[in-house]
Protein backbone atom coordinates (compact mmCIF):
# COMPACT_ATOMS: atom_id res chain seq x y z
CA MET A 1 -118.99 -7.47 77.73
CA ALA A 2 -118.34 -3.95 79.00
CA ASN A 3 -116.01 -3.29 76.07
CA ALA A 4 -118.59 -4.62 73.63
CA ARG A 5 -121.29 -2.39 75.10
CA GLU A 6 -118.96 0.61 74.93
CA THR A 7 -118.13 -0.13 71.31
CA THR A 8 -121.81 -0.50 70.43
CA LYS A 9 -122.57 2.79 72.16
CA THR A 10 -119.77 4.56 70.30
CA LEU A 11 -120.95 3.20 66.95
CA ALA A 12 -124.53 4.24 67.70
CA ILE A 13 -123.40 7.78 68.56
CA ALA A 14 -121.30 7.95 65.39
CA ALA A 15 -124.19 6.70 63.27
CA ALA A 16 -126.57 9.23 64.83
CA ALA A 17 -124.07 12.04 64.29
CA GLY A 18 -123.59 11.00 60.68
CA PHE A 19 -127.34 10.86 60.09
CA ALA A 20 -127.77 14.31 61.66
CA PHE A 21 -124.99 15.67 59.46
CA LEU A 22 -126.67 14.33 56.31
CA ILE A 23 -130.00 15.89 57.30
CA ALA A 24 -128.34 19.24 58.06
CA ARG A 25 -126.39 19.11 54.80
CA ALA A 26 -129.54 18.45 52.79
CA ALA A 27 -131.28 21.38 54.50
CA VAL A 28 -128.36 23.71 53.73
CA GLN A 29 -128.32 22.59 50.09
CA ARG A 30 -132.05 23.28 49.75
CA GLN A 31 -131.53 26.74 51.20
CA ARG A 32 -128.66 27.40 48.78
CA GLU A 33 -130.54 26.12 45.70
CA TYR A 34 -129.84 28.56 42.87
CA ASP A 35 -132.00 29.47 39.88
CA PHE A 36 -130.11 30.45 36.71
CA LYS A 37 -133.14 32.07 35.06
CA GLY A 38 -132.38 35.72 34.32
CA LYS A 39 -128.88 35.45 35.82
CA VAL A 40 -125.82 36.75 33.99
CA VAL A 41 -123.34 33.91 33.55
CA LEU A 42 -119.80 34.46 32.28
CA ILE A 43 -118.36 31.27 30.78
CA THR A 44 -114.71 31.32 29.73
CA GLY A 45 -113.52 29.07 26.92
CA SER A 46 -117.06 28.84 25.59
CA SER A 47 -116.68 28.92 21.81
CA ARG A 48 -116.56 25.12 21.58
CA GLY A 49 -116.40 21.90 23.56
CA LEU A 50 -117.57 21.74 27.17
CA GLY A 51 -117.94 25.52 27.49
CA LEU A 52 -120.35 25.63 24.55
CA VAL A 53 -122.36 22.68 25.91
CA ILE A 54 -122.67 24.45 29.28
CA ALA A 55 -123.75 27.64 27.49
CA ARG A 56 -126.47 25.75 25.61
CA GLN A 57 -127.87 24.29 28.80
CA LEU A 58 -127.80 27.64 30.59
CA ALA A 59 -129.55 29.26 27.63
CA GLY A 60 -132.26 26.63 28.00
CA GLU A 61 -132.69 27.69 31.63
CA GLY A 62 -133.11 31.34 30.68
CA ALA A 63 -129.69 32.64 31.70
CA ARG A 64 -128.08 35.64 30.01
CA LEU A 65 -124.70 34.64 28.66
CA VAL A 66 -121.27 36.18 28.33
CA ILE A 67 -119.05 33.94 26.22
CA CYS A 68 -115.39 34.39 25.36
CA ALA A 69 -112.50 32.67 23.59
CA ARG A 70 -109.30 33.60 21.82
CA ASP A 71 -110.47 32.65 18.31
CA ALA A 72 -112.91 35.32 17.07
CA ASP A 73 -114.30 33.16 14.25
CA GLU A 74 -115.07 30.20 16.51
CA LEU A 75 -116.60 32.58 19.03
CA GLU A 76 -118.87 34.14 16.42
CA ALA A 77 -120.06 30.68 15.34
CA ALA A 78 -120.96 29.88 18.95
CA ARG A 79 -122.69 33.24 19.45
CA ALA A 80 -124.72 32.82 16.26
CA GLU A 81 -125.83 29.33 17.26
CA LEU A 82 -126.89 30.37 20.77
CA SER A 83 -128.64 33.50 19.53
CA SER A 84 -130.54 31.51 16.90
CA HIS A 85 -132.14 29.58 19.75
CA GLY A 86 -133.25 32.76 21.49
CA ALA A 87 -130.40 33.18 23.96
CA ASP A 88 -129.31 36.65 25.12
CA VAL A 89 -125.58 36.45 24.37
CA PHE A 90 -122.68 38.88 24.61
CA ALA A 91 -119.42 37.64 23.04
CA ILE A 92 -115.90 39.00 23.52
CA ALA A 93 -112.72 37.62 21.94
CA CYS A 94 -109.81 37.81 24.40
CA ASP A 95 -106.75 36.06 25.82
CA LEU A 96 -107.38 35.58 29.54
CA ALA A 97 -103.74 34.79 30.27
CA LYS A 98 -103.26 38.56 29.83
CA PRO A 99 -104.61 40.39 32.91
CA ASP A 100 -105.54 43.52 30.94
CA GLU A 101 -107.72 41.52 28.57
CA ALA A 102 -109.34 39.65 31.46
CA ASN A 103 -110.13 42.97 33.14
CA THR A 104 -111.62 44.34 29.92
CA LEU A 105 -113.79 41.23 29.53
CA VAL A 106 -115.28 41.60 33.00
CA ASP A 107 -115.73 45.36 32.74
CA ARG A 108 -117.49 45.14 29.38
CA ALA A 109 -119.73 42.31 30.57
CA ILE A 110 -120.80 44.34 33.61
CA GLU A 111 -121.35 47.40 31.43
CA HIS A 112 -123.46 45.37 28.99
CA PHE A 113 -125.64 43.42 31.43
CA GLY A 114 -125.31 45.48 34.61
CA GLY A 115 -123.57 42.77 36.60
CA ILE A 116 -122.23 39.22 36.73
CA ASP A 117 -124.00 36.63 38.86
CA VAL A 118 -122.07 33.48 37.97
CA LEU A 119 -118.53 32.88 36.72
CA ILE A 120 -117.62 29.54 35.16
CA ASN A 121 -113.87 29.33 34.60
CA ASN A 122 -113.64 26.73 31.86
CA ALA A 123 -110.81 28.00 29.62
CA GLY A 124 -107.81 25.72 29.34
CA THR A 125 -105.58 23.73 27.01
CA ILE A 126 -104.12 20.22 26.92
CA LYS A 127 -100.66 19.26 25.73
CA VAL A 128 -99.66 15.57 25.64
CA SER A 129 -95.98 14.61 25.62
CA PRO A 130 -93.43 12.30 27.23
CA ILE A 131 -91.19 14.13 29.68
CA GLU A 132 -88.23 13.92 27.27
CA HIS A 133 -89.87 16.51 25.00
CA ILE A 134 -91.38 18.84 27.62
CA THR A 135 -89.76 22.28 27.84
CA MET A 136 -89.94 25.06 30.40
CA GLU A 137 -92.11 26.95 27.93
CA ASP A 138 -94.65 24.13 28.15
CA TYR A 139 -94.91 24.61 31.91
CA HIS A 140 -95.30 28.37 31.60
CA TYR A 141 -97.96 27.96 28.91
CA ALA A 142 -99.87 25.37 30.95
CA MET A 143 -99.86 27.61 34.02
CA ASP A 144 -100.94 30.63 31.97
CA THR A 145 -103.91 28.90 30.37
CA ASN A 146 -104.98 26.42 33.06
CA PHE A 147 -104.32 28.50 36.18
CA TRP A 148 -103.58 32.19 35.66
CA ALA A 149 -106.44 32.68 33.18
CA ALA A 150 -108.93 31.66 35.89
CA VAL A 151 -107.20 33.78 38.54
CA ASN A 152 -107.10 36.83 36.27
CA VAL A 153 -110.85 36.72 35.60
CA ALA A 154 -111.82 35.87 39.17
CA TYR A 155 -109.83 38.71 40.69
CA ARG A 156 -111.80 41.17 38.61
CA VAL A 157 -115.16 39.49 39.27
CA VAL A 158 -114.78 38.76 43.00
CA PRO A 159 -114.92 42.38 44.30
CA HIS A 160 -118.09 42.88 42.24
CA MET A 161 -119.69 39.80 43.81
CA GLN A 162 -118.51 40.74 47.30
CA GLU A 163 -120.08 44.17 46.94
CA ARG A 164 -123.38 42.57 45.93
CA ARG A 165 -122.95 39.86 48.60
CA SER A 166 -124.02 37.24 46.11
CA GLY A 167 -122.44 35.04 43.46
CA ARG A 168 -121.38 31.63 42.30
CA ILE A 169 -118.02 30.62 40.86
CA ALA A 170 -117.17 27.28 39.26
CA ASN A 171 -113.53 26.51 38.52
CA ILE A 172 -113.30 23.62 36.09
CA SER A 173 -110.09 21.77 36.82
CA SER A 174 -109.61 18.08 36.01
CA VAL A 175 -109.04 14.68 37.57
CA ALA A 176 -105.45 15.52 36.56
CA GLY A 177 -105.67 18.19 39.26
CA LYS A 178 -106.21 15.44 41.85
CA ILE A 179 -103.90 12.63 40.70
CA GLY A 180 -100.77 12.21 38.59
CA VAL A 181 -101.29 11.43 34.89
CA PRO A 182 -98.37 10.34 32.66
CA HIS A 183 -97.53 12.33 29.53
CA MET A 184 -99.50 15.31 30.88
CA ILE A 185 -97.17 16.72 33.54
CA PRO A 186 -97.49 20.46 32.74
CA TYR A 187 -101.27 20.03 32.51
CA CYS A 188 -101.26 18.27 35.89
CA ALA A 189 -99.23 21.12 37.38
CA GLY A 190 -101.68 23.78 36.16
CA LYS A 191 -104.76 21.83 37.21
CA HIS A 192 -103.35 20.96 40.67
CA ALA A 193 -102.67 24.66 41.18
CA LEU A 194 -106.23 25.46 40.13
CA VAL A 195 -107.70 22.95 42.60
CA GLY A 196 -105.67 24.31 45.52
CA TRP A 197 -106.49 27.92 44.71
CA SER A 198 -110.17 27.19 44.10
CA ARG A 199 -110.61 25.30 47.37
CA GLY A 200 -108.86 28.11 49.23
CA LEU A 201 -110.94 30.76 47.48
CA ARG A 202 -114.11 29.13 48.76
CA THR A 203 -112.94 29.46 52.37
CA GLU A 204 -112.38 33.19 51.86
CA LEU A 205 -115.59 34.06 50.00
CA ALA A 206 -118.24 32.01 51.82
CA LYS A 207 -118.63 34.85 54.35
CA ASP A 208 -119.72 37.10 51.47
CA ASN A 209 -122.34 34.61 50.20
CA VAL A 210 -120.15 33.85 47.19
CA LEU A 211 -119.92 30.07 46.83
CA VAL A 212 -116.99 28.57 44.94
CA THR A 213 -117.27 25.07 43.48
CA THR A 214 -114.26 23.10 42.25
CA ILE A 215 -115.06 20.80 39.33
CA CYS A 216 -112.75 17.88 38.47
CA PRO A 217 -113.93 16.00 35.37
CA GLY A 218 -112.33 12.90 33.93
CA LEU A 219 -112.41 12.28 30.20
CA MET A 220 -115.44 13.85 28.51
CA ARG A 221 -116.72 13.36 24.99
CA THR A 222 -116.64 17.02 23.98
CA GLY A 223 -114.73 16.49 20.72
CA SER A 224 -111.72 18.40 22.06
CA PRO A 225 -108.84 15.98 21.27
CA ARG A 226 -108.49 17.34 17.71
CA ASN A 227 -107.64 20.74 19.22
CA ALA A 228 -105.31 19.38 21.90
CA GLU A 229 -101.55 19.57 21.27
CA PHE A 230 -99.12 16.67 20.98
CA LYS A 231 -95.34 16.26 20.99
CA GLY A 232 -93.01 13.35 20.34
CA ARG A 233 -94.71 10.52 18.47
CA ASN A 234 -97.73 12.71 17.92
CA THR A 235 -99.72 10.30 15.77
CA ALA A 236 -99.50 7.52 18.36
CA GLU A 237 -100.11 9.93 21.26
CA TYR A 238 -103.20 11.33 19.57
CA ALA A 239 -104.53 7.86 18.75
CA TRP A 240 -104.47 6.57 22.35
CA PHE A 241 -105.85 9.85 23.69
CA LYS A 242 -108.73 9.96 21.22
CA VAL A 243 -109.63 6.28 21.70
CA ALA A 244 -109.69 6.69 25.49
CA ASP A 245 -111.76 9.86 25.12
CA SER A 246 -114.36 7.97 23.08
CA LEU A 247 -114.87 4.91 25.30
CA PRO A 248 -118.11 5.15 27.33
CA VAL A 249 -116.59 2.99 30.09
CA ILE A 250 -114.06 5.67 31.02
CA SER A 251 -115.46 8.87 29.48
CA THR A 252 -118.60 10.90 30.12
CA ALA A 253 -120.94 12.42 27.54
CA ALA A 254 -120.44 16.19 27.37
CA GLU A 255 -124.14 16.85 28.00
CA THR A 256 -124.11 14.67 31.13
CA ALA A 257 -120.97 16.39 32.41
CA ALA A 258 -122.50 19.83 31.85
CA GLN A 259 -125.65 18.81 33.72
CA GLU A 260 -123.59 17.59 36.68
CA ILE A 261 -121.51 20.77 36.69
CA LEU A 262 -124.55 23.05 36.71
CA ALA A 263 -126.23 20.93 39.39
CA ALA A 264 -123.12 21.30 41.58
CA VAL A 265 -123.09 25.08 41.06
CA ARG A 266 -126.82 25.24 41.73
CA ARG A 267 -126.34 23.44 45.07
CA GLY A 268 -123.19 25.35 45.93
CA ASP A 269 -121.12 22.17 46.33
CA VAL A 270 -117.54 22.42 47.54
CA GLU A 271 -116.26 19.99 44.93
CA ARG A 272 -117.61 17.69 42.24
CA ILE A 273 -115.69 14.93 40.47
CA ILE A 274 -117.28 14.06 37.12
CA GLY A 275 -117.29 10.49 35.81
CA GLY A 276 -117.20 7.08 37.45
CA ALA A 277 -113.64 6.32 36.33
CA ALA A 278 -112.45 9.69 37.64
CA ARG A 279 -114.15 9.14 41.01
CA ALA A 280 -112.60 5.68 41.28
CA GLY A 281 -109.16 7.07 40.42
CA VAL A 282 -109.37 9.81 43.04
CA PHE A 283 -110.67 7.34 45.66
CA ILE A 284 -107.76 4.95 45.06
CA ASP A 285 -105.27 7.83 45.12
CA GLN A 286 -106.61 9.11 48.46
CA PHE A 287 -106.79 5.79 50.28
CA LEU A 288 -104.24 3.65 48.43
CA PRO A 289 -101.66 6.15 47.15
CA GLU A 290 -98.99 3.49 46.58
CA TRP A 291 -101.37 1.51 44.37
CA SER A 292 -102.35 4.67 42.52
CA GLY A 293 -98.75 5.60 41.86
CA GLU A 294 -97.85 2.11 40.65
CA LEU A 295 -100.87 1.89 38.34
CA ALA A 296 -100.06 5.30 36.82
CA SER A 297 -96.43 4.24 36.35
CA ILE A 298 -97.52 1.08 34.54
CA ALA A 299 -99.74 3.19 32.29
CA GLY A 300 -96.78 5.47 31.60
CA ARG A 301 -94.67 2.51 30.43
CA LEU A 302 -97.39 1.51 27.97
CA LEU A 303 -97.61 4.95 26.35
CA PRO A 304 -95.53 5.94 23.29
CA GLY A 305 -91.87 6.67 23.93
CA PRO A 306 -89.95 9.75 22.77
CA GLY A 307 -89.17 10.42 19.11
CA GLY A 308 -91.35 11.55 16.24
CA VAL A 309 -91.53 15.33 15.99
CA GLY A 310 -89.63 15.72 19.27
CA THR A 311 -90.19 19.09 20.92
CA GLU A 312 -92.28 20.38 18.02
CA THR A 313 -96.02 20.67 18.61
CA ARG A 314 -98.80 19.25 16.45
CA ARG A 315 -102.54 19.64 16.94
CA GLY A 316 -104.68 16.53 17.05
CA ALA A 317 -106.19 17.49 13.70
CA GLU A 318 -102.65 17.29 12.25
CA SER A 319 -102.00 13.88 13.83
CA GLU A 320 -104.77 11.71 12.40
CA SER A 321 -104.24 8.02 11.58
CA PRO A 322 -106.45 5.07 10.62
CA LEU A 323 -106.83 4.24 14.33
CA SER A 324 -107.82 7.78 15.32
CA ARG A 325 -110.44 7.78 12.54
CA SER A 326 -111.72 4.27 13.29
CA ALA A 327 -114.99 3.04 14.77
CA LEU A 328 -113.31 3.13 18.20
CA THR A 329 -113.44 6.93 18.09
CA SER A 330 -116.88 7.36 16.53
CA LEU A 331 -118.41 9.04 19.60
CA THR A 332 -115.62 11.61 19.74
CA GLN A 333 -115.95 12.26 16.01
CA GLU A 334 -119.67 12.93 16.48
CA ALA A 335 -118.89 15.31 19.34
CA GLU A 336 -116.40 17.22 17.15
CA LEU A 337 -119.18 18.10 14.74
CA GLU A 338 -121.74 18.78 17.44
CA ASN A 339 -119.61 21.07 19.60
CA ASN A 340 -117.92 23.43 17.13
CA GLU A 341 -114.53 21.67 17.39
CA ILE A 342 -114.17 21.60 13.60
CA ALA A 343 -113.76 25.00 11.97
CA ARG A 344 -116.84 25.90 9.94
């Protein structure tokens, strides 16, 4: 009886502590609530796909936008679209893997608008390949685009935000930055690095009232597969990737993902995982890592083997097949047109 009473008492104390934590957390989030109206928001990788969808939503909230991408023509198309809807947009073509160009981007944005309030590090690339065709260059490229690009921009923006004692940073990683994904090893490496750095950056900058949020989306229907890169049996690799990207059961609409991302930044969340399938995958990996590893290994066995174009790279748009153009991918095909993924 005494043990039962002690257990009941312990559970009651734990429940009360948990309830108090939730109340305190809600109060802190209300205090941190952020309004994007009039704020200057720098969004990297914003000429198409998720970055463009985020830019549209921020424009609707009255933010002033700095958009950037490597392709000047795609960037101009995005700028023209946003401007036609009344957005105040400043566009700069640059390669953020090069520190000098990242510095120039930030300096010109500050010169143009007088400051930067929010940084959304969204730039990145995807390359899909079995390990047999992955080269050291693939790892370097993945780290440059998925990790160093974000670091280069942030290190120029952070002192500016620290001086103002205000700012928000969102680093958009991936569920592949939380778990292992077959045929995407260099991408996983870059995104895992981004998660670790982003979470650490938050611990350093919170004292300066600069809140860093790590975003880990699963598959999103942005239309991006046609601009991803594929090796080996590229047609088969592209087909499975595009079909998975288009299935509502495991992928999230780009507009929904953008809303969740901006809500997380607005609240100043530590981390946000986007998509039910992604959240389930991370949960299983955290609490049942052996299961997670076995399931991923089974998936790896089902994916296309080596061969095809070998170590050569093909874009998704160069890897179309009847399956990748079928009704199974209709949602992704619609997103391609909607989000500037097809050159105009």
